C-alpha atoms as a PDB file:
ATOM      1  CA  MET A   1      20.856 -92.794 -35.138  1.00  0.00           C
ATOM      2  CA  HIS A   2      17.158 -93.249 -34.516  1.00  0.00           C
ATOM      3  CA  GLU A   3      14.803 -90.727 -36.093  1.00  0.00           C
ATOM      4  CA  ARG A   4      12.566 -90.456 -32.988  1.00  0.00           C
ATOM      5  CA  CYS A   5      12.780 -91.195 -29.286  1.00  0.00           C
ATOM      6  CA  SER A   6      11.220 -94.577 -28.512  1.00  0.00           C
ATOM      7  CA  VAL A   7       9.598 -93.215 -25.337  1.00  0.00           C
ATOM      8  CA  CYS A   8       8.316 -89.720 -26.179  1.00  0.00           C
ATOM      9  CA  HIS A   9       8.559 -89.780 -30.012  1.00  0.00           C
ATOM     10  CA  LEU A  10      10.555 -86.530 -30.118  1.00  0.00           C
ATOM     11  CA  ARG A  11      12.289 -86.012 -33.472  1.00  0.00           C
ATOM     12  CA  TYR A  12      16.069 -85.875 -33.207  1.00  0.00           C
ATOM     13  CA  GLU A  13      16.562 -83.693 -36.295  1.00  0.00           C
ATOM     14  CA  ARG A  14      15.711 -80.091 -37.040  1.00  0.00           C
ATOM     15  CA  GLU A  15      12.416 -79.223 -38.657  1.00  0.00           C
ATOM     16  CA  PRO A  16      12.518 -78.266 -42.383  1.00  0.00           C
ATOM     17  CA  GLY A  17      11.721 -74.616 -41.616  1.00  0.00           C
ATOM     18  CA  TYR A  18      14.365 -74.296 -38.906  1.00  0.00           C
ATOM     19  CA  PHE A  19      16.880 -72.365 -41.018  1.00  0.00           C
ATOM     20  CA  LEU A  20      14.143 -70.220 -42.584  1.00  0.00           C
ATOM     21  CA  GLY A  21      13.249 -69.042 -39.088  1.00  0.00           C
ATOM     22  CA  ALA A  22      16.899 -68.259 -38.443  1.00  0.00           C
ATOM     23  CA  MET A  23      16.950 -66.049 -41.546  1.00  0.00           C
ATOM     24  CA  TYR A  24      13.862 -64.146 -40.374  1.00  0.00           C
ATOM     25  CA  ILE A  25      15.404 -63.513 -36.956  1.00  0.00           C
ATOM     26  CA  SER A  26      18.691 -62.539 -38.578  1.00  0.00           C
ATOM     27  CA  TYR A  27      17.015 -59.986 -40.848  1.00  0.00           C
ATOM     28  CA  ALA A  28      14.845 -58.546 -38.080  1.00  0.00           C
ATOM     29  CA  LEU A  29      17.837 -58.048 -35.787  1.00  0.00           C
ATOM     30  CA  ALA A  30      20.269 -56.760 -38.390  1.00  0.00           C
ATOM     31  CA  LEU A  31      18.170 -54.207 -40.259  1.00  0.00           C
ATOM     32  CA  PRO A  32      17.660 -51.646 -37.460  1.00  0.00           C
ATOM     33  CA  VAL A  33      21.233 -51.944 -36.203  1.00  0.00           C
ATOM     34  CA  VAL A  34      22.779 -51.562 -39.662  1.00  0.00           C
ATOM     35  CA  ALA A  35      20.510 -48.600 -40.383  1.00  0.00           C
ATOM     36  CA  PHE A  36      21.549 -46.973 -37.099  1.00  0.00           C
ATOM     37  CA  ILE A  37      25.275 -47.506 -37.714  1.00  0.00           C
ATOM     38  CA  ALA A  38      24.933 -46.297 -41.316  1.00  0.00           C
ATOM     39  CA  GLY A  39      23.108 -43.173 -40.118  1.00  0.00           C
ATOM     40  CA  ILE A  40      25.868 -42.393 -37.637  1.00  0.00           C
ATOM     41  CA  LEU A  41      28.584 -42.950 -40.250  1.00  0.00           C
ATOM     42  CA  TRP A  42      26.690 -40.794 -42.755  1.00  0.00           C
ATOM     43  CA  ALA A  43      26.245 -37.960 -40.243  1.00  0.00           C
ATOM     44  CA  VAL A  44      29.814 -38.049 -38.940  1.00  0.00           C
ATOM     45  CA  THR A  45      31.760 -38.620 -42.158  1.00  0.00           C
ATOM     46  CA  GLY A  46      29.504 -37.041 -44.793  1.00  0.00           C
ATOM     47  CA  TRP A  47      29.846 -40.118 -47.028  1.00  0.00           C
ATOM     48  CA  TRP A  48      27.113 -41.054 -49.463  1.00  0.00           C
ATOM     49  CA  ILE A  49      24.512 -43.205 -47.725  1.00  0.00           C
ATOM     50  CA  THR A  50      25.452 -46.195 -49.895  1.00  0.00           C
ATOM     51  CA  LYS A  51      29.075 -46.096 -48.758  1.00  0.00           C
ATOM     52  CA  ALA A  52      28.012 -45.612 -45.138  1.00  0.00           C
ATOM     53  CA  THR A  53      25.648 -48.596 -45.379  1.00  0.00           C
ATOM     54  CA  VAL A  54      28.323 -50.861 -46.857  1.00  0.00           C
ATOM     55  CA  TRP A  55      30.738 -49.939 -44.073  1.00  0.00           C
ATOM     56  CA  ALA A  56      28.018 -50.450 -41.462  1.00  0.00           C
ATOM     57  CA  VAL A  57      27.415 -53.974 -42.768  1.00  0.00           C
ATOM     58  CA  LEU A  58      31.150 -54.722 -42.821  1.00  0.00           C
ATOM     59  CA  LEU A  59      31.568 -53.511 -39.244  1.00  0.00           C
ATOM     60  CA  PHE A  60      28.436 -55.164 -37.837  1.00  0.00           C
ATOM     61  CA  LEU A  61      28.224 -58.485 -39.676  1.00  0.00           C
ATOM     62  CA  PRO A  62      30.904 -60.599 -37.911  1.00  0.00           C
ATOM     63  CA  LEU A  63      29.613 -59.903 -34.408  1.00  0.00           C
ATOM     64  CA  ALA A  64      25.964 -60.070 -35.427  1.00  0.00           C
ATOM     65  CA  THR A  65      26.347 -63.454 -37.097  1.00  0.00           C
ATOM     66  CA  LEU A  66      27.691 -65.031 -33.933  1.00  0.00           C
ATOM     67  CA  PHE A  67      25.032 -63.361 -31.762  1.00  0.00           C
ATOM     68  CA  ARG A  68      22.132 -64.443 -33.999  1.00  0.00           C
ATOM     69  CA  PHE A  69      23.444 -67.998 -34.208  1.00  0.00           C
ATOM     70  CA  VAL A  70      23.636 -68.314 -30.424  1.00  0.00           C
ATOM     71  CA  LEU A  71      20.214 -66.683 -29.972  1.00  0.00           C
ATOM     72  CA  TRP A  72      18.554 -69.027 -32.483  1.00  0.00           C
ATOM     73  CA  LEU A  73      20.157 -72.110 -30.913  1.00  0.00           C
ATOM     74  CA  ALA A  74      19.027 -71.035 -27.442  1.00  0.00           C
ATOM     75  CA  LEU A  75      15.480 -70.485 -28.694  1.00  0.00           C
ATOM     76  CA  GLY A  76      15.544 -73.925 -30.331  1.00  0.00           C
ATOM     77  CA  LEU A  77      16.688 -75.553 -27.106  1.00  0.00           C
ATOM     78  CA  VAL A  78      13.935 -73.888 -25.096  1.00  0.00           C
ATOM     79  CA  VAL A  79      11.248 -74.916 -27.589  1.00  0.00           C
ATOM     80  CA  TYR A  80      12.430 -78.515 -27.903  1.00  0.00           C
ATOM     81  CA  PHE A  81      12.915 -79.037 -24.155  1.00  0.00           C
ATOM     82  CA  ALA A  82       9.487 -77.523 -23.462  1.00  0.00           C
ATOM     83  CA  TYR A  83       7.954 -79.805 -26.092  1.00  0.00           C
ATOM     84  CA  ALA A  84       9.712 -82.873 -24.707  1.00  0.00           C
ATOM     85  CA  ALA A  85       8.746 -82.087 -21.114  1.00  0.00           C
ATOM     86  CA  ARG A  86       5.104 -81.641 -22.073  1.00  0.00           C
ATOM     87  CA  ARG A  87       4.848 -84.670 -24.370  1.00  0.00           C
ATOM     88  CA  THR A  88       6.980 -87.242 -22.560  1.00  0.00           C
ATOM     89  CA  ARG A  89       5.519 -90.605 -21.676  1.00  0.00           C
ATOM     90  CA  ALA A  90       8.355 -91.561 -19.351  1.00  0.00           C
ATOM     91  CA  ALA A  91       7.404 -92.335 -15.781  1.00  0.00           C
ATOM     92  CA  PRO A  92       8.549 -89.820 -13.168  1.00  0.00           C
ATOM     93  CA  ALA A  93      11.579 -90.900 -11.160  1.00  0.00           C
ATOM     94  CA  ALA A  94      10.724 -92.635  -7.898  1.00  0.00           C
ATOM     95  CA  SER A  95      12.056 -91.050  -4.740  1.00  0.00           C
ATOM     96  CA  ALA A  96      14.578 -93.146  -2.919  1.00  0.00           C
END
């Protein structure tokens, strides 16, 4: 596989900081939701906050992982397509 497009020079691989950005988004999305679920569990059950937090993570993590993965991929697609559309050197298609 070529490293770059021969026409627009777009890189075909992810940037080195790609997964670091995914971790930042993951943390920013998960923290408020886990805190909210833990607060509800703590108020309803009377458990210690540590136990409520652990259960909140266990309940929220499977769904959140899938959601964050899809969100980060969609953001990556938008950024890379916008970059390619702006930086392309390909001639526009002629009307027939």
